[in-house]
Amino acid sequence: MKTPYNPDKDVIFYTNDVPGVQVAVNGGEYMIFNPWDGHKPKAAAGEPMPIKKIIVKIKEN
């Protein structure tokens, strides 16, 4: 763990020691991440491009 969980921002940061699975998302495609899915935002394959990012959080009971 790089930065402990921040309940105000609902975020936690980890070191990037394991590359994990790399998936390229092309124009017109999208990905959905669940709260239990670790992901690396702002990663780019080649030249970074402008993106639209939408975050929806649904409170569970």
Protein backbone atom coordinates (compact mmCIF):
# COMPACT_ATOMS: atom_id res chain seq x y z
CA MET A 1 0.00 0.00 0.00
CA LYS A 2 1.39 3.39 -0.99
CA THR A 3 -1.27 5.64 0.56
CA PRO A 4 -3.81 4.44 3.16
CA TYR A 5 -7.54 4.47 2.40
CA ASN A 6 -9.03 7.97 2.40
CA PRO A 7 -12.75 7.72 3.31
CA ASP A 8 -13.40 11.35 2.27
CA LYS A 9 -12.18 10.70 -1.29
CA ASP A 10 -13.07 6.96 -1.28
CA VAL A 11 -9.65 6.08 -2.68
CA ILE A 12 -6.55 4.06 -1.82
CA PHE A 13 -3.25 3.95 -3.72
CA TYR A 14 -0.88 1.00 -4.08
CA THR A 15 2.67 0.69 -5.38
CA ASN A 16 2.92 -0.38 -9.02
CA ASP A 17 5.11 -3.46 -8.55
CA VAL A 18 2.90 -5.90 -10.51
CA PRO A 19 2.01 -5.03 -14.12
CA GLY A 20 -1.27 -7.00 -14.07
CA VAL A 21 -3.41 -7.48 -17.17
CA GLN A 22 -3.14 -4.84 -19.87
CA VAL A 23 -6.25 -4.08 -21.92
CA ALA A 24 -6.28 -1.46 -24.67
CA VAL A 25 -9.58 0.41 -24.98
CA ASN A 26 -10.21 1.88 -28.42
CA GLY A 27 -12.47 4.74 -29.48
CA GLY A 28 -16.14 3.88 -29.04
CA GLU A 29 -15.36 1.26 -26.39
CA TYR A 30 -15.65 1.50 -22.62
CA MET A 31 -14.77 -0.43 -19.48
CA ILE A 32 -16.65 -0.91 -16.25
CA PHE A 33 -14.78 -1.42 -12.98
CA ASN A 34 -16.45 -2.75 -9.85
CA PRO A 35 -15.32 -1.56 -6.41
CA TRP A 36 -13.35 -4.78 -5.90
CA ASP A 37 -11.49 -4.41 -9.22
CA GLY A 38 -8.09 -2.82 -8.91
CA HIS A 39 -7.32 -0.53 -11.84
CA LYS A 40 -4.66 1.93 -12.93
CA PRO A 41 -6.16 5.20 -14.15
CA LYS A 42 -4.30 7.48 -16.58
CA ALA A 43 -2.33 4.59 -18.10
CA ALA A 44 -1.67 4.93 -21.84
CA ALA A 45 -0.42 2.61 -24.55
CA GLY A 46 1.67 4.92 -26.71
CA GLU A 47 0.61 8.58 -26.92
CA PRO A 48 -2.03 9.66 -24.36
CA MET A 49 -5.33 10.87 -25.84
CA PRO A 50 -8.18 12.93 -24.39
CA ILE A 51 -10.80 10.78 -22.70
CA LYS A 52 -14.19 11.23 -21.09
CA LYS A 53 -14.43 9.70 -17.64
CA ILE A 54 -17.66 9.08 -15.78
CA ILE A 55 -17.72 7.81 -12.22
CA VAL A 56 -20.98 6.44 -10.83
CA LYS A 57 -21.10 5.19 -7.28
CA ILE A 58 -24.16 3.28 -6.10
CA LYS A 59 -24.59 2.86 -2.36
CA GLU A 60 -25.18 -0.69 -1.27
CA ASN A 61 -27.51 -1.61 1.60
